[in-house]
């Protein structure tokens, strides 16, 4: 769940669960809309590709009617021409580990060592 100021934070478990659901739906809607924009796909084009009505596609992106199943999300992503992957957000305890790994990966990726691609020390025999 995204960080929320304490003034807007859920006050009980039922509210926290409802917030988590809405947060996930909103995140998926935004990701799909970004993919549509990046691929030049309008809602009308998406409806045609999916064989859905324009109203159904509009409902997918509405704030009230979106009851997105994974099947629907996969269909929409496929129709847009994108692949999506579910990625769990890191909590604060994991952030230190992720930062350390990132630093290590950047260090490895930025080190340069010159390697001779072909030194001809042991050439392959010529085959006729």
Protein backbone atom coordinates (compact mmCIF):
# COMPACT_ATOMS: atom_id res chain seq x y z
CA UNK A 1 0.00 0.00 0.00
CA UNK A 2 1.32 3.46 -0.86
CA UNK A 3 2.36 5.72 1.97
CA UNK A 4 -0.57 7.85 3.10
CA UNK A 5 -0.48 10.79 5.49
CA UNK A 6 -1.80 9.92 8.95
CA UNK A 7 -4.77 12.25 8.43
CA UNK A 8 -6.02 10.06 5.57
CA UNK A 9 -4.83 6.68 6.85
CA UNK A 10 -7.44 3.96 7.41
CA UNK A 11 -8.64 3.79 11.01
CA UNK A 12 -9.55 0.09 11.15
CA UNK A 13 -8.88 -3.19 9.32
CA UNK A 14 -11.98 -2.98 7.11
CA UNK A 15 -11.01 0.52 5.98
CA UNK A 16 -7.41 -0.60 5.41
CA UNK A 17 -8.61 -3.48 3.24
CA UNK A 18 -10.92 -1.20 1.23
CA UNK A 19 -8.07 1.27 0.79
CA UNK A 20 -5.72 -1.50 -0.39
CA UNK A 21 -8.28 -2.61 -2.98
CA UNK A 22 -8.84 0.91 -4.30
CA UNK A 23 -5.09 1.59 -4.34
CA UNK A 24 -4.43 -1.55 -6.41
CA UNK A 25 -7.26 -0.79 -8.87
CA UNK A 26 -6.06 2.78 -9.32
CA UNK A 27 -2.45 1.66 -9.86
CA UNK A 28 -3.55 -0.84 -12.52
CA UNK A 29 -5.76 1.73 -14.26
CA UNK A 30 -2.87 4.21 -14.40
CA UNK A 31 -0.44 1.59 -15.70
CA UNK A 32 -2.89 0.55 -18.44
CA UNK A 33 -3.56 4.17 -19.43
CA UNK A 34 0.18 4.89 -19.64
CA UNK A 35 0.66 1.81 -21.83
CA UNK A 36 -2.22 2.93 -24.05
CA UNK A 37 -0.69 6.40 -24.42
CA UNK A 38 2.79 4.97 -25.12
CA UNK A 39 1.37 2.66 -27.80
CA UNK A 40 -1.01 5.20 -29.34
CA UNK A 41 -4.11 3.17 -28.41
CA UNK A 42 -7.32 5.08 -27.74
CA UNK A 43 -10.23 3.73 -25.70
CA UNK A 44 -12.17 3.32 -28.95
CA UNK A 45 -9.32 1.29 -30.51
CA UNK A 46 -9.04 -0.78 -27.34
CA UNK A 47 -12.77 -1.54 -27.39
CA UNK A 48 -12.49 -2.71 -31.01
CA UNK A 49 -9.47 -4.90 -30.27
CA UNK A 50 -11.17 -6.48 -27.27
CA UNK A 51 -14.58 -6.83 -28.87
CA UNK A 52 -15.99 -4.83 -25.94
CA UNK A 53 -18.43 -1.95 -26.08
CA UNK A 54 -17.04 1.54 -25.62
CA UNK A 55 -19.04 1.66 -22.39
CA UNK A 56 -17.30 -1.43 -20.99
CA UNK A 57 -13.87 0.01 -21.73
CA UNK A 58 -14.91 3.28 -20.13
CA UNK A 59 -16.08 1.30 -17.09
CA UNK A 60 -12.65 -0.35 -16.77
CA UNK A 61 -11.14 3.10 -16.28
CA UNK A 62 -13.97 4.65 -14.21
CA UNK A 63 -13.70 5.27 -10.51
CA UNK A 64 -16.98 3.50 -9.69
CA UNK A 65 -17.37 0.56 -12.02
CA UNK A 66 -13.97 -1.05 -12.09
CA UNK A 67 -14.13 -4.58 -10.75
CA UNK A 68 -11.02 -5.69 -12.59
CA UNK A 69 -10.19 -9.37 -12.68
CA UNK A 70 -6.68 -10.51 -13.53
CA UNK A 71 -8.17 -12.02 -16.68
CA UNK A 72 -9.53 -8.63 -17.75
CA UNK A 73 -6.23 -6.88 -16.98
CA UNK A 74 -4.34 -9.51 -19.01
CA UNK A 75 -6.75 -9.14 -21.94
CA UNK A 76 -6.42 -5.36 -21.92
CA UNK A 77 -2.62 -5.49 -21.67
CA UNK A 78 -2.46 -7.95 -24.55
CA UNK A 79 -4.77 -5.81 -26.68
CA UNK A 80 -2.55 -2.78 -26.00
CA UNK A 81 0.52 -4.79 -26.97
CA UNK A 82 2.17 -4.74 -23.56
CA UNK A 83 3.20 -7.29 -20.99
CA UNK A 84 2.76 -6.51 -17.32
CA UNK A 85 4.40 -8.07 -14.31
CA UNK A 86 3.19 -7.93 -10.74
CA UNK A 87 5.95 -6.42 -8.60
CA UNK A 88 5.71 -6.14 -4.85
CA UNK A 89 6.73 -2.80 -3.40
CA UNK A 90 9.61 -2.92 -0.96
CA UNK A 91 8.87 -2.04 2.62
CA UNK A 92 11.23 0.20 4.56
CA UNK A 93 13.18 -2.75 6.01
CA UNK A 94 13.85 -4.10 2.51
CA UNK A 95 14.88 -0.71 1.15
CA UNK A 96 18.37 -0.92 2.66
CA UNK A 97 18.95 -4.30 1.02
CA UNK A 98 17.65 -3.03 -2.32
CA UNK A 99 19.89 0.05 -2.14
CA UNK A 100 22.93 -2.10 -1.36
CA UNK A 101 22.16 -4.40 -4.29
CA UNK A 102 21.63 -1.42 -6.55
CA UNK A 103 24.98 0.06 -5.53
CA UNK A 104 26.66 -3.31 -6.14
CA UNK A 105 25.01 -3.68 -9.55
CA UNK A 106 26.01 -0.15 -10.53
CA UNK A 107 29.57 -0.75 -9.36
CA UNK A 108 29.83 -3.93 -11.39
CA UNK A 109 28.19 -2.34 -14.42
CA UNK A 110 30.46 0.71 -14.37
CA UNK A 111 33.79 -1.08 -13.90
CA UNK A 112 35.70 -1.29 -17.13
CA UNK A 113 38.17 -3.94 -18.03
CA UNK A 114 39.72 -4.31 -21.43
CA UNK A 115 39.54 -7.78 -22.91
CA UNK A 116 41.10 -8.80 -26.19
CA UNK A 117 38.36 -10.28 -28.32
CA UNK A 118 40.62 -12.31 -30.61
CA UNK A 119 44.26 -12.78 -29.77
CA UNK A 120 44.81 -15.53 -32.39
CA UNK A 121 46.85 -17.59 -29.95
CA UNK A 122 45.01 -20.74 -30.88
CA UNK A 123 43.40 -20.31 -34.28
CA UNK A 124 40.94 -22.91 -35.50
CA UNK A 125 42.18 -25.12 -38.35
CA UNK A 126 40.98 -24.17 -41.83
CA UNK A 127 38.35 -26.50 -43.20
CA UNK A 128 37.96 -26.88 -46.94
